[in-house]
Amino acid sequence: MKIFLKFLKLKYSYFLICTILLVAIFEFLSYGLAYPIISIFLDLEQNFLFKINNFISKNLGMDIELKESLLVTFLIVILLLQSLSFIIFRFITLKITLNYLFNLRSNIFNSFFDSIYNPNIKTSEILNSLTIQSMNAFHYWSCYIDCIKRILIIAAILILFIIISFKVLITSTLILFLLFLLINKISSLSQRYGKNMVIIDQTYLNASNQSLNNYKYIKITNIKDKLLSSIIPMLKDFNSNQFKFTMLSKLIKESSEPIAVILIILIGYLSAYYLNINVSLLIISVLLLRRLIANISSLFRSYQSLVKYKESIKYIEKILNNFQKSPSLQNNLITNLKEINLNNIYFEYSKGKPIFKNLNLSIKRNKPAVIYGKSGSGKSSLINLITGITTPLKGNISYNNLDIYKEINIKSFKIGIVLQEEVIFNMSLIDNLLLRNPNAKRKKIIELIKTLGLMDIFHNKKIDLNMSINEISSNLSGGEKQRIALIREILYEPDLLILDEATSALDKISLKKTIKFLNTIKNKTTLLIFTHQNEFKKYNFDIYELKNNNLL
C-alpha cells in the first residue's frame, strides 16, 4: 500500500490509472463482443442472433435489429480503441518514469551538496546512485506500472469468465493455482539473487573506482594483477547471481508458450467432455484462457524485475537518508567582510579523536593569514569550518562579529577557493574563467593571464580564450591549472579568498609572481593561505602553524 501511495505522488499517475482502466474495459468489451460473433458464425440458422435481438427488445425496450455486420463493426471499433489506449498508456508511462528519473537524479545531486559535509560518505556510492541505481529505479516504476495494467486486465478477463462460464472459470482457477505456487517459489529466489547483485555491484564499483583513480601508481608499480585477483571473486559472484536470476527469467519466458498450450488443452478437454460446454463457448474460453495465461506470465516477469529493481530503490533511499541537511540559514544579508573570528573551537569527526581543541583564530582584511601544517594536521577541516561546510561541537565562528550559524547568512558573502587539486572543467578556457562571474571583462581576463605568466599555454603565445580544455586537462600542467583556477576566483571578486596549497605546483618564478600579485589585492579581499612553502614568510603576512590540535 505504501508503494501505491508513492506511485500516486508521481506526476500524471492519476491520468495513467484512468488510461489503464480504459485498457481493461476495452479488453473486456473486445472479448465480450467476440463471443456472440463466434456463436453467430457457428449457428447456421442464426438462432443466437435472434436471441440477442429478442433480449434487447424485451429487456431494454429498444426495437433494434442487430446484424452480423453491425456486431463485427462494433468489434473492429473496440479493437482500434483498444490499440489507441495501449499507445496512450505507453506514452504516459514513459512521461511518468522519465520525469521520475529526472527528479530523482536532481534530488540526489542537490541533497548531496545541500547536506552537512561528511568525509565518510563515499563518492562512488553517490555516483552509483546517480547512474546505475537511478536507472534501475526508473525500470522499477516501469515494471510497477506494467504490473498494475496486467492485474486489471486479468481482473477484466476473470469477470468476463464469470459472465460467460463459471464452470470453466472454476476449473481454470484450480489448475492455475498450482501454477501460482510454482511462480511464488521462483519469485522468492529472484528476490534473493536480485538483492545479492545490487550489493556485489556496489562493492565492485568501489574497487574499480579506486583502481581507475590510481592509474599512474598502478601502472608504475605493476600491481595490476594483484588488484585484479581481488576483483575477480566479485565478478564471479556477480556472474553466478546474474546467471541464476536470468535463467529463472528465461525459464518462465521460454516455457510460457508450451505451458499455456498444455493448460488450454487440459482445460478445454475437461470443459468439452465433463462440463458439457458447446463449441462456441469452448472457443471463446480457449481465447480467454490464452489471454489470461499470457498476462499472468507477463505479470510474473514484471514482478520478477520489480523485485530485483526494488533493491535499487532501497539503496538510493539509504544514501539519501545518510545526508544530514545543513542548518537553515539566516535571512540577514551582510556584505563587505572585514574580519573572521574563530573562538574556542572544538571539533572532531570520530568521537574521542579531536582535531581541534580550544582553537582561536582572527583573520582581518589588509593582513593575509598564512597557515602552515603537516599532512593530517587539520588544514582541510579548518577550511570546512571557516566556510560553514561543517559545524564545531563547541565554540563559534563569526564574520564581522556575527555568528555564521545564528545571526547571518554566510552565503551573502562571496567566498573564493583554490584547491591543490585544481578544479578545471571540460569546457573552453573562457567558460572555465567565467564560471563564477559571467560578467567579467575580457580586458581584465587578459591582464590577469599576463600578470600570472600564463601566456605559454597558447600556441605561439597568441591569446585564444576559446581554446578547449579536455576532460582530464592533459593539455595543461599542474601549475597552469592552478593559475587558471586562481584567475577564476579573482574575477569573482570574493570577500574571502582561500588558497589551499594552491601554489604547490608552481615553479619559483611563477610562485614569486603569484605571491607578489596576492600582496597587491590584500586590500580588496580577505586572504587565507594554507601552504607548506616558505616563500610566504618573506612578506608581511600573519603566520600560524597547525600543531597539536591548535594554532601556534
Protein backbone atom coordinates (compact mmCIF):
# COMPACT_ATOMS: atom_id res chain seq x y z
CA MET A 1 0.00 0.00 0.00
CA LYS A 2 2.89 2.36 0.81
CA ILE A 3 4.33 1.77 -2.64
CA PHE A 4 0.99 2.53 -4.27
CA LEU A 5 0.75 5.81 -2.31
CA LYS A 6 4.25 6.70 -3.56
CA PHE A 7 3.08 5.88 -7.06
CA LEU A 8 0.11 8.24 -6.70
CA LYS A 9 2.54 11.07 -5.87
CA LEU A 10 4.23 10.72 -9.25
CA LYS A 11 3.28 13.28 -11.87
CA TYR A 12 0.49 12.12 -14.26
CA SER A 13 -0.19 9.00 -12.10
CA TYR A 14 -3.96 9.62 -11.87
CA PHE A 15 -4.18 10.13 -15.62
CA LEU A 16 -2.29 6.87 -16.08
CA ILE A 17 -4.70 4.95 -13.82
CA CYS A 18 -7.62 6.19 -15.91
CA THR A 19 -5.81 5.02 -19.06
CA ILE A 20 -5.16 1.58 -17.55
CA LEU A 21 -8.84 1.29 -16.65
CA LEU A 22 -9.71 2.08 -20.27
CA VAL A 23 -7.30 -0.64 -21.42
CA ALA A 24 -9.02 -3.15 -19.11
CA ILE A 25 -12.52 -2.04 -20.23
CA PHE A 26 -11.62 -2.41 -23.92
CA GLU A 27 -10.12 -5.82 -23.14
CA PHE A 28 -13.46 -6.82 -21.59
CA LEU A 29 -15.51 -5.41 -24.47
CA SER A 30 -13.39 -6.91 -27.24
CA TYR A 31 -13.72 -10.48 -25.93
CA GLY A 32 -17.28 -9.78 -24.80
CA LEU A 33 -18.22 -8.95 -28.40
CA ALA A 34 -16.14 -11.80 -29.80
CA TYR A 35 -18.29 -14.40 -28.02
CA PRO A 36 -21.65 -13.57 -29.70
CA ILE A 37 -19.94 -13.13 -33.09
CA ILE A 38 -18.32 -16.58 -32.83
CA SER A 39 -21.66 -18.06 -31.74
CA ILE A 40 -23.47 -16.44 -34.69
CA PHE A 41 -20.91 -17.72 -37.20
CA LEU A 42 -21.23 -21.23 -35.79
CA ASP A 43 -25.06 -21.03 -35.70
CA LEU A 44 -26.13 -21.63 -39.31
CA GLU A 45 -29.78 -20.90 -38.52
CA GLN A 46 -28.82 -17.69 -36.66
CA ASN A 47 -30.75 -18.66 -33.50
CA PHE A 48 -28.16 -16.91 -31.37
CA LEU A 49 -28.61 -13.58 -33.18
CA PHE A 50 -32.38 -13.98 -32.82
CA LYS A 51 -31.93 -14.47 -29.06
CA ILE A 52 -29.85 -11.29 -28.79
CA ASN A 53 -32.45 -9.19 -30.66
CA ASN A 54 -35.22 -10.74 -28.58
CA PHE A 55 -33.32 -9.93 -25.36
CA ILE A 56 -32.81 -6.28 -26.41
CA SER A 57 -36.47 -5.91 -27.34
CA LYS A 58 -37.87 -7.43 -24.13
CA ASN A 59 -35.42 -6.17 -21.50
CA LEU A 60 -34.21 -2.86 -22.92
CA GLY A 61 -37.42 -1.84 -24.72
CA MET A 62 -35.49 -0.99 -27.87
CA ASP A 63 -36.75 -2.01 -31.28
CA ILE A 64 -33.32 -2.55 -32.86
CA GLU A 65 -32.37 -5.43 -35.07
CA LEU A 66 -28.69 -6.30 -34.78
CA LYS A 67 -26.94 -7.87 -37.73
CA GLU A 68 -23.66 -9.70 -38.00
CA SER A 69 -22.10 -6.80 -39.91
CA LEU A 70 -23.00 -4.32 -37.14
CA LEU A 71 -21.52 -6.55 -34.41
CA VAL A 72 -18.34 -7.02 -36.44
CA THR A 73 -18.14 -3.25 -36.96
CA PHE A 74 -18.51 -2.70 -33.20
CA LEU A 75 -15.75 -5.21 -32.54
CA ILE A 76 -13.39 -3.54 -35.05
CA VAL A 77 -14.03 -0.12 -33.47
CA ILE A 78 -13.41 -1.54 -29.98
CA LEU A 79 -10.16 -3.18 -31.12
CA LEU A 80 -8.96 0.08 -32.68
CA LEU A 81 -9.80 1.97 -29.49
CA GLN A 82 -8.01 -0.72 -27.51
CA SER A 83 -4.88 -0.24 -29.62
CA LEU A 84 -5.12 3.52 -29.14
CA SER A 85 -5.45 3.08 -25.37
CA PHE A 86 -2.28 0.93 -25.36
CA ILE A 87 -0.38 3.66 -27.23
CA ILE A 88 -1.58 6.32 -24.78
CA PHE A 89 -0.65 4.02 -21.90
CA ARG A 90 2.91 3.65 -23.21
CA PHE A 91 3.20 7.38 -23.80
CA ILE A 92 2.09 8.34 -20.29
CA THR A 93 4.19 5.59 -18.70
CA LEU A 94 7.29 6.94 -20.41
CA LYS A 95 6.45 10.51 -19.36
CA ILE A 96 5.99 9.44 -15.73
CA THR A 97 9.11 7.30 -15.48
CA LEU A 98 11.41 9.78 -17.27
CA ASN A 99 10.07 12.62 -15.13
CA TYR A 100 10.72 10.48 -12.05
CA LEU A 101 14.27 9.72 -13.22
CA PHE A 102 14.98 13.43 -13.80
CA ASN A 103 13.63 14.42 -10.38
CA LEU A 104 15.42 11.56 -8.62
CA ARG A 105 18.81 12.41 -10.08
CA SER A 106 18.28 16.10 -9.34
CA ASN A 107 17.28 15.23 -5.77
CA ILE A 108 20.39 13.09 -5.20
CA PHE A 109 22.64 15.79 -6.64
CA ASN A 110 21.03 18.63 -4.67
CA SER A 111 20.74 16.65 -1.42
CA PHE A 112 24.42 15.75 -1.57
CA PHE A 113 25.57 19.35 -1.98
CA ASP A 114 22.95 20.72 0.46
CA SER A 115 23.97 18.30 3.22
CA ILE A 116 26.44 18.76 6.04
CA TYR A 117 29.92 17.72 4.97
CA ASN A 118 30.63 14.11 5.90
CA PRO A 119 34.06 12.66 5.00
CA ASN A 120 32.72 9.13 5.49
CA ILE A 121 30.32 9.36 2.55
CA LYS A 122 31.76 7.51 -0.45
CA THR A 123 31.58 9.45 -3.70
CA SER A 124 31.44 6.11 -5.55
CA GLU A 125 28.10 5.43 -3.84
CA ILE A 126 26.78 8.82 -4.91
CA LEU A 127 27.97 8.18 -8.46
CA ASN A 128 26.38 4.73 -8.40
CA SER A 129 23.08 6.28 -7.24
CA LEU A 130 23.20 8.91 -9.98
CA THR A 131 23.81 6.35 -12.72
CA ILE A 132 23.14 2.61 -12.37
CA GLN A 133 20.83 2.63 -9.35
CA SER A 134 18.70 5.58 -10.51
CA MET A 135 18.29 3.87 -13.89
CA ASN A 136 17.20 0.71 -12.08
CA ALA A 137 14.71 2.83 -10.11
CA PHE A 138 13.37 4.08 -13.45
CA HIS A 139 12.87 0.45 -14.55
CA TYR A 140 11.27 -0.31 -11.17
CA TRP A 141 8.39 2.08 -11.77
CA SER A 142 8.03 0.89 -15.37
CA CYS A 143 7.60 -2.65 -14.06
CA TYR A 144 5.28 -1.47 -11.28
CA ILE A 145 3.01 0.28 -13.78
CA ASP A 146 3.04 -2.79 -16.03
CA CYS A 147 2.03 -4.95 -13.03
CA ILE A 148 -0.97 -2.69 -12.36
CA LYS A 149 -2.01 -2.95 -16.00
CA ARG A 150 -1.67 -6.74 -16.04
CA ILE A 151 -3.67 -7.13 -12.82
CA LEU A 152 -6.55 -5.04 -14.16
CA ILE A 153 -6.57 -6.92 -17.49
CA ILE A 154 -6.59 -10.25 -15.62
CA ALA A 155 -9.47 -8.96 -13.48
CA ALA A 156 -11.41 -7.97 -16.63
CA ILE A 157 -10.88 -11.43 -18.14
CA LEU A 158 -11.97 -13.15 -14.93
CA ILE A 159 -15.15 -11.04 -14.76
CA LEU A 160 -15.91 -11.97 -18.35
CA PHE A 161 -15.27 -15.62 -17.49
CA ILE A 162 -17.81 -15.40 -14.65
CA ILE A 163 -20.41 -13.96 -17.02
CA ILE A 164 -19.77 -16.45 -19.83
CA SER A 165 -18.98 -19.68 -18.00
CA PHE A 166 -18.49 -20.01 -14.27
CA LYS A 167 -17.73 -23.74 -14.65
CA VAL A 168 -14.74 -23.11 -16.90
CA LEU A 169 -13.52 -20.40 -14.51
CA ILE A 170 -13.53 -22.78 -11.52
CA THR A 171 -11.72 -25.47 -13.49
CA SER A 172 -9.16 -22.95 -14.72
CA THR A 173 -8.64 -21.48 -11.26
CA LEU A 174 -7.78 -24.84 -9.73
CA ILE A 175 -5.18 -25.55 -12.41
CA LEU A 176 -3.76 -22.01 -12.38
CA PHE A 177 -3.43 -22.18 -8.58
CA LEU A 178 -0.80 -24.90 -8.99
CA LEU A 179 0.99 -22.65 -11.47
CA PHE A 180 0.86 -19.82 -8.93
CA LEU A 181 2.62 -21.93 -6.29
CA LEU A 182 5.47 -22.54 -8.69
CA ILE A 183 5.67 -18.84 -9.59
CA ASN A 184 5.74 -17.85 -5.91
CA LYS A 185 8.73 -20.12 -5.30
CA ILE A 186 10.61 -18.67 -8.26
CA SER A 187 9.81 -15.11 -7.06
CA SER A 188 11.41 -15.68 -3.66
CA LEU A 189 14.57 -16.96 -5.35
CA SER A 190 14.58 -13.98 -7.75
CA GLN A 191 14.36 -11.56 -4.84
CA ARG A 192 17.38 -13.11 -3.15
CA TYR A 193 19.52 -13.10 -6.30
CA GLY A 194 18.46 -9.53 -7.17
CA LYS A 195 19.47 -8.25 -3.72
CA ASN A 196 22.84 -10.00 -3.95
CA MET A 197 23.50 -8.43 -7.35
CA VAL A 198 22.99 -4.87 -6.04
CA ILE A 199 25.34 -5.44 -3.07
CA ILE A 200 28.05 -7.08 -5.17
CA ASP A 201 27.72 -4.43 -7.89
CA GLN A 202 28.42 -1.64 -5.38
CA THR A 203 31.46 -3.46 -3.96
CA TYR A 204 32.78 -3.97 -7.48
CA LEU A 205 32.16 -0.30 -8.33
CA ASN A 206 34.11 0.82 -5.22
CA ALA A 207 37.07 -1.40 -6.09
CA SER A 208 37.07 -0.35 -9.74
CA ASN A 209 36.77 3.32 -8.82
CA GLN A 210 39.82 3.08 -6.57
CA SER A 211 41.84 1.37 -9.27
CA LEU A 212 40.91 3.85 -12.02
CA ASN A 213 41.68 6.84 -9.79
CA ASN A 214 45.17 5.45 -9.08
CA TYR A 215 46.08 4.64 -12.66
CA LYS A 216 49.58 6.15 -12.54
CA TYR A 217 50.59 4.38 -9.33
CA ILE A 218 49.25 1.02 -10.51
CA LYS A 219 50.95 1.42 -13.89
CA ILE A 220 54.34 2.27 -12.39
CA THR A 221 54.30 -0.32 -9.58
CA ASN A 222 52.86 -3.05 -11.81
CA ILE A 223 50.33 -4.27 -9.21
CA LYS A 224 47.51 -4.65 -11.74
CA ASP A 225 47.43 -8.44 -11.44
CA LYS A 226 47.22 -8.33 -7.65
CA LEU A 227 44.33 -5.88 -7.74
CA LEU A 228 42.61 -7.89 -10.44
CA SER A 229 42.89 -11.04 -8.34
CA SER A 230 40.93 -9.27 -5.57
CA ILE A 231 38.24 -8.15 -8.04
CA ILE A 232 37.81 -11.49 -9.84
CA PRO A 233 35.90 -13.18 -6.94
CA MET A 234 33.39 -10.30 -7.01
CA LEU A 235 32.92 -10.72 -10.75
CA LYS A 236 32.42 -14.46 -10.37
CA ASP A 237 29.95 -13.96 -7.53
CA PHE A 238 28.04 -11.36 -9.54
CA ASN A 239 28.00 -13.58 -12.63
CA SER A 240 26.72 -16.50 -10.56
CA ASN A 241 23.79 -14.47 -9.22
CA GLN A 242 23.16 -12.90 -12.63
CA PHE A 243 23.15 -16.36 -14.21
CA LYS A 244 20.60 -17.72 -11.71
CA PHE A 245 18.40 -14.63 -11.94
CA THR A 246 18.47 -14.57 -15.73
CA MET A 247 17.85 -18.31 -16.02
CA LEU A 248 14.76 -18.03 -13.83
CA SER A 249 13.52 -15.18 -16.00
CA LYS A 250 14.23 -17.01 -19.25
CA LEU A 251 12.76 -20.23 -17.86
CA ILE A 252 9.40 -18.55 -17.44
CA LYS A 253 9.62 -16.66 -20.72
CA GLU A 254 10.65 -19.63 -22.87
CA SER A 255 8.34 -22.14 -21.19
CA SER A 256 5.28 -19.87 -21.00
CA GLU A 257 4.16 -20.73 -24.55
CA PRO A 258 4.20 -24.55 -24.21
CA ILE A 259 2.78 -24.34 -20.67
CA ALA A 260 -0.03 -22.11 -21.94
CA VAL A 261 -0.85 -24.58 -24.73
CA ILE A 262 -0.84 -27.53 -22.30
CA LEU A 263 -3.11 -25.71 -19.85
CA ILE A 264 -5.50 -24.65 -22.59
CA ILE A 265 -5.69 -28.19 -23.98
CA LEU A 266 -6.22 -29.60 -20.48
CA ILE A 267 -8.92 -27.09 -19.54
CA GLY A 268 -10.54 -27.37 -22.98
CA TYR A 269 -10.61 -31.17 -22.71
CA LEU A 270 -12.20 -31.07 -19.25
CA SER A 271 -14.71 -28.43 -20.38
CA ALA A 272 -15.79 -30.29 -23.53
CA TYR A 273 -16.07 -33.81 -22.13
CA TYR A 274 -17.02 -33.27 -18.49
CA LEU A 275 -18.71 -29.85 -18.33
CA ASN A 276 -20.85 -30.17 -21.49
CA ILE A 277 -19.62 -26.86 -22.97
CA ASN A 278 -20.79 -26.05 -26.53
CA VAL A 279 -18.33 -25.32 -29.33
CA SER A 280 -18.70 -21.53 -29.41
CA LEU A 281 -18.31 -21.27 -25.65
CA LEU A 282 -15.31 -23.58 -25.80
CA ILE A 283 -13.64 -21.41 -28.47
CA ILE A 284 -14.09 -18.16 -26.56
CA SER A 285 -12.96 -19.91 -23.36
CA VAL A 286 -9.79 -21.04 -25.09
CA LEU A 287 -9.17 -17.50 -26.37
CA LEU A 288 -9.74 -16.05 -22.90
CA LEU A 289 -7.51 -18.67 -21.32
CA ARG A 290 -4.75 -17.90 -23.81
CA ARG A 291 -5.03 -14.21 -23.00
CA LEU A 292 -5.26 -14.89 -19.27
CA ILE A 293 -2.17 -17.11 -19.14
CA ALA A 294 -0.20 -14.66 -21.33
CA ASN A 295 -0.99 -11.82 -18.91
CA ILE A 296 -0.17 -13.95 -15.87
CA SER A 297 3.18 -14.83 -17.45
CA SER A 298 3.88 -11.14 -18.25
CA LEU A 299 2.80 -10.17 -14.74
CA PHE A 300 5.27 -12.60 -13.27
CA ARG A 301 8.15 -11.36 -15.44
CA SER A 302 7.37 -7.75 -14.49
CA TYR A 303 7.10 -8.72 -10.85
CA GLN A 304 10.41 -10.57 -11.01
CA SER A 305 12.10 -7.45 -12.40
CA LEU A 306 10.24 -5.36 -9.84
CA VAL A 307 11.75 -7.42 -7.02
CA LYS A 308 15.22 -7.01 -8.48
CA TYR A 309 14.96 -3.26 -9.03
CA LYS A 310 13.38 -2.68 -5.62
CA GLU A 311 16.81 -3.17 -4.09
CA SER A 312 17.99 -0.13 -6.04
CA ILE A 313 15.13 1.94 -4.57
CA LYS A 314 16.23 0.85 -1.07
CA TYR A 315 19.85 1.60 -1.93
CA ILE A 316 19.05 5.16 -3.04
CA GLU A 317 16.79 5.78 -0.03
CA LYS A 318 19.62 4.66 2.26
CA ILE A 319 22.03 7.06 0.54
CA LEU A 320 19.56 9.96 0.82
CA ASN A 321 18.91 9.17 4.49
CA ASN A 322 22.63 9.37 5.19
CA PHE A 323 22.66 13.01 4.14
CA GLN A 324 22.28 15.38 7.06
CA LYS A 325 20.60 18.54 5.92
CA SER A 326 22.58 21.70 6.52
CA PRO A 327 21.06 24.03 9.14
CA SER A 328 18.72 26.66 7.73
CA LEU A 329 20.50 29.91 7.01
CA GLN A 330 19.53 33.25 8.49
CA ASN A 331 17.94 35.88 6.29
CA ASN A 332 20.31 38.63 7.39
CA LEU A 333 22.50 39.60 4.45
CA ILE A 334 25.70 41.50 5.20
CA THR A 335 28.49 42.17 2.74
CA ASN A 336 31.89 43.87 2.96
CA LEU A 337 33.73 41.26 5.02
CA LYS A 338 36.20 42.93 7.41
CA GLU A 339 37.21 40.13 9.76
CA ILE A 340 36.70 36.46 10.61
CA ASN A 341 36.99 35.09 14.15
CA LEU A 342 37.10 31.53 15.44
CA ASN A 343 36.63 31.36 19.21
CA ASN A 344 37.40 28.30 21.38
CA ILE A 345 36.68 25.82 18.60
CA TYR A 346 36.41 22.14 19.49
CA PHE A 347 35.88 19.79 16.57
CA GLU A 348 36.09 16.07 15.80
CA TYR A 349 34.86 13.61 13.16
CA SER A 350 35.27 10.48 15.28
CA LYS A 351 34.21 10.52 18.92
CA GLY A 352 37.15 10.88 21.28
CA LYS A 353 39.56 11.88 18.49
CA PRO A 354 39.59 15.70 18.47
CA ILE A 355 41.03 17.58 15.52
CA PHE A 356 40.87 20.99 17.26
CA LYS A 357 40.76 21.85 20.96
CA ASN A 358 40.09 25.44 22.03
CA LEU A 359 41.35 26.78 18.72
CA ASN A 360 41.28 30.56 18.21
CA LEU A 361 41.97 32.49 15.01
CA SER A 362 41.43 36.07 13.85
CA ILE A 363 41.72 36.99 10.16
CA LYS A 364 41.47 40.62 9.08
CA ARG A 365 41.33 42.36 5.75
CA ASN A 366 44.61 44.02 4.73
CA LYS A 367 46.50 41.37 6.72
CA PRO A 368 46.61 37.99 4.93
CA ALA A 369 46.91 34.96 7.18
CA VAL A 370 49.23 32.10 6.22
CA ILE A 371 48.76 28.74 7.93
CA TYR A 372 51.41 26.04 7.85
CA GLY A 373 50.71 22.46 8.79
CA LYS A 374 51.82 18.93 8.09
CA SER A 375 49.60 16.43 6.29
CA GLY A 376 46.81 15.36 8.65
CA SER A 377 47.20 18.39 10.90
CA GLY A 378 43.64 19.56 10.12
CA LYS A 379 44.05 22.15 7.34
CA SER A 380 41.09 20.83 5.34
CA SER A 381 38.95 20.61 8.49
CA LEU A 382 39.76 24.23 9.32
CA ILE A 383 38.73 25.33 5.83
CA ASN A 384 35.45 23.39 6.20
CA LEU A 385 34.71 25.20 9.48
CA ILE A 386 35.56 28.67 8.19
CA THR A 387 33.40 28.21 5.08
CA GLY A 388 30.48 26.76 7.07
CA ILE A 389 30.61 23.31 5.45
CA THR A 390 30.90 21.74 8.90
CA THR A 391 29.92 22.98 12.35
CA PRO A 392 32.06 22.91 15.52
CA LEU A 393 30.96 20.85 18.51
CA LYS A 394 31.92 23.78 20.75
CA GLY A 395 32.81 27.41 20.15
CA ASN A 396 31.60 29.81 17.48
CA ILE A 397 32.66 31.25 14.14
CA SER A 398 31.79 34.82 13.20
CA TYR A 399 32.07 37.12 10.22
CA ASN A 400 32.18 40.80 11.23
CA ASN A 401 31.44 39.60 14.82
CA LEU A 402 28.17 37.96 13.74
CA ASP A 403 27.72 34.18 14.24
CA ILE A 404 27.55 32.48 10.82
CA TYR A 405 25.04 29.90 12.10
CA LYS A 406 22.76 32.10 14.18
CA GLU A 407 22.95 35.71 13.05
CA ILE A 408 23.84 35.92 9.39
CA ASN A 409 23.60 34.03 6.11
CA ILE A 410 27.14 33.00 5.22
CA LYS A 411 26.08 32.75 1.56
CA SER A 412 25.68 36.52 1.50
CA PHE A 413 29.48 36.68 1.43
CA LYS A 414 31.38 35.85 -1.73
CA ILE A 415 33.84 33.10 -0.87
CA GLY A 416 36.51 32.07 -3.36
CA ILE A 417 38.67 28.98 -3.01
CA VAL A 418 41.57 27.48 -4.98
CA LEU A 419 42.49 23.91 -4.11
CA GLN A 420 45.69 21.94 -4.53
CA GLU A 421 43.76 19.51 -6.71
CA GLU A 422 42.79 22.27 -9.11
CA VAL A 423 39.19 22.24 -10.33
CA ILE A 424 39.15 22.64 -14.10
CA PHE A 425 36.11 21.59 -16.11
CA ASN A 426 35.73 20.04 -19.54
CA MET A 427 34.91 23.26 -21.37
CA SER A 428 36.70 26.12 -23.09
CA LEU A 429 39.21 28.32 -21.27
CA ILE A 430 36.87 31.31 -21.26
CA ASP A 431 33.97 29.22 -19.92
CA ASN A 432 36.20 28.00 -17.10
CA LEU A 433 37.29 31.54 -16.26
CA LEU A 434 33.75 32.98 -16.37
CA LEU A 435 32.23 30.16 -14.34
CA ARG A 436 31.82 32.28 -11.21
CA ASN A 437 31.46 35.69 -12.78
CA PRO A 438 29.92 35.58 -16.28
CA ASN A 439 30.11 39.39 -16.49
CA ALA A 440 33.89 39.65 -16.09
CA LYS A 441 35.55 41.86 -18.71
CA ARG A 442 37.84 40.25 -21.28
CA LYS A 443 40.31 43.05 -20.75
CA LYS A 444 40.61 42.08 -17.09
CA ILE A 445 40.99 38.39 -18.01
CA ILE A 446 43.84 39.08 -20.45
CA GLU A 447 45.54 41.34 -17.89
CA LEU A 448 45.48 38.56 -15.27
CA ILE A 449 46.73 35.96 -17.75
CA LYS A 450 49.77 38.14 -18.49
CA THR A 451 50.36 39.09 -14.84
CA LEU A 452 50.39 35.48 -13.67
CA GLY A 453 52.58 34.28 -16.53
CA LEU A 454 50.10 32.11 -18.40
CA MET A 455 51.00 33.13 -21.95
CA ASP A 456 52.83 29.84 -22.53
CA ILE A 457 49.55 27.88 -22.67
CA PHE A 458 48.74 29.48 -26.03
CA HIS A 459 50.18 28.39 -29.36
CA ASN A 460 52.82 30.94 -30.45
CA LYS A 461 51.75 32.93 -27.37
CA LYS A 462 48.72 34.20 -29.24
CA ILE A 463 45.86 34.52 -26.76
CA ASP A 464 42.94 32.24 -27.60
CA LEU A 465 40.32 32.35 -24.86
CA ASN A 466 38.21 29.80 -26.74
CA MET A 467 40.90 27.12 -26.55
CA SER A 468 39.45 23.77 -25.49
CA ILE A 469 40.41 22.19 -22.20
CA ASN A 470 39.79 18.46 -22.44
CA GLU A 471 38.22 16.24 -19.80
CA ILE A 472 41.42 15.46 -17.89
CA SER A 473 43.13 18.79 -18.75
CA SER A 474 46.06 16.87 -20.22
CA ASN A 475 46.96 19.88 -22.36
CA LEU A 476 47.82 21.87 -19.21
CA SER A 477 50.45 21.43 -16.48
CA GLY A 478 49.52 21.36 -12.80
CA GLY A 479 50.85 24.89 -12.26
CA GLU A 480 48.91 26.23 -15.25
CA LYS A 481 45.70 24.71 -13.99
CA GLN A 482 46.28 26.21 -10.53
CA ARG A 483 46.73 29.69 -12.02
CA ILE A 484 43.62 29.34 -14.20
CA ALA A 485 41.66 28.36 -11.07
CA LEU A 486 43.12 31.37 -9.24
CA ILE A 487 42.16 33.77 -12.04
CA ARG A 488 38.60 32.40 -12.00
CA GLU A 489 38.28 33.20 -8.28
CA ILE A 490 39.94 36.63 -8.64
CA LEU A 491 37.40 37.54 -11.35
CA TYR A 492 34.65 36.66 -8.87
CA GLU A 493 35.97 39.45 -6.62
CA PRO A 494 35.43 37.45 -3.43
CA ASP A 495 35.10 38.84 0.10
CA LEU A 496 37.21 35.90 1.29
CA LEU A 497 39.80 34.10 -0.84
CA ILE A 498 41.12 30.79 0.46
CA LEU A 499 44.18 29.17 -1.11
CA ASP A 500 44.66 25.53 -0.10
CA GLU A 501 48.15 24.59 -1.32
CA ALA A 502 47.06 26.45 -4.45
CA THR A 503 50.63 27.30 -5.46
CA SER A 504 52.22 23.89 -4.77
CA ALA A 505 52.72 23.08 -8.47
CA LEU A 506 54.31 26.43 -9.42
CA ASP A 507 57.97 26.87 -10.26
CA LYS A 508 59.95 29.52 -8.37
CA ILE A 509 59.43 32.27 -10.95
CA SER A 510 55.66 31.66 -11.23
CA LEU A 511 55.37 31.37 -7.44
CA LYS A 512 57.12 34.71 -6.94
CA LYS A 513 54.81 36.39 -9.48
CA THR A 514 51.73 34.89 -7.80
CA ILE A 515 52.70 35.91 -4.25
CA LYS A 516 53.54 39.40 -5.45
CA PHE A 517 50.13 39.63 -7.12
CA LEU A 518 48.34 38.37 -3.98
CA ASN A 519 50.06 41.08 -1.97
CA THR A 520 48.51 43.69 -4.29
CA ILE A 521 44.92 42.50 -3.74
CA LYS A 522 45.01 42.11 0.07
CA ASN A 523 43.10 45.40 0.46
CA LYS A 524 40.31 44.15 -1.81
CA THR A 525 39.74 40.75 -0.25
CA THR A 526 40.42 38.84 2.97
CA LEU A 527 43.18 36.34 2.21
CA LEU A 528 43.66 33.00 3.96
CA ILE A 529 46.55 30.88 2.65
CA PHE A 530 47.29 27.25 3.57
CA THR A 531 50.75 26.21 2.41
CA HIS A 532 54.00 24.43 3.17
CA GLN A 533 56.10 26.86 1.08
CA ASN A 534 58.45 29.17 2.97
CA GLU A 535 58.34 31.93 0.34
CA PHE A 536 55.25 33.41 2.03
CA LYS A 537 57.31 34.20 5.14
CA LYS A 538 59.17 36.89 3.20
CA TYR A 539 56.03 39.03 3.03
CA ASN A 540 54.13 40.95 5.69
CA PHE A 541 51.59 38.19 6.38
CA ASP A 542 50.31 36.81 9.68
CA ILE A 543 51.98 33.41 10.10
CA TYR A 544 50.41 30.47 12.02
CA GLU A 545 51.21 26.77 12.39
CA LEU A 546 48.71 23.97 12.92
CA LYS A 547 50.14 21.64 15.52
CA ASN A 548 48.83 19.51 18.38
CA ASN A 549 45.15 20.27 17.62
CA ASN A 550 45.72 24.01 17.78
CA LEU A 551 47.25 27.06 16.10
CA LEU A 552 50.63 28.29 17.29
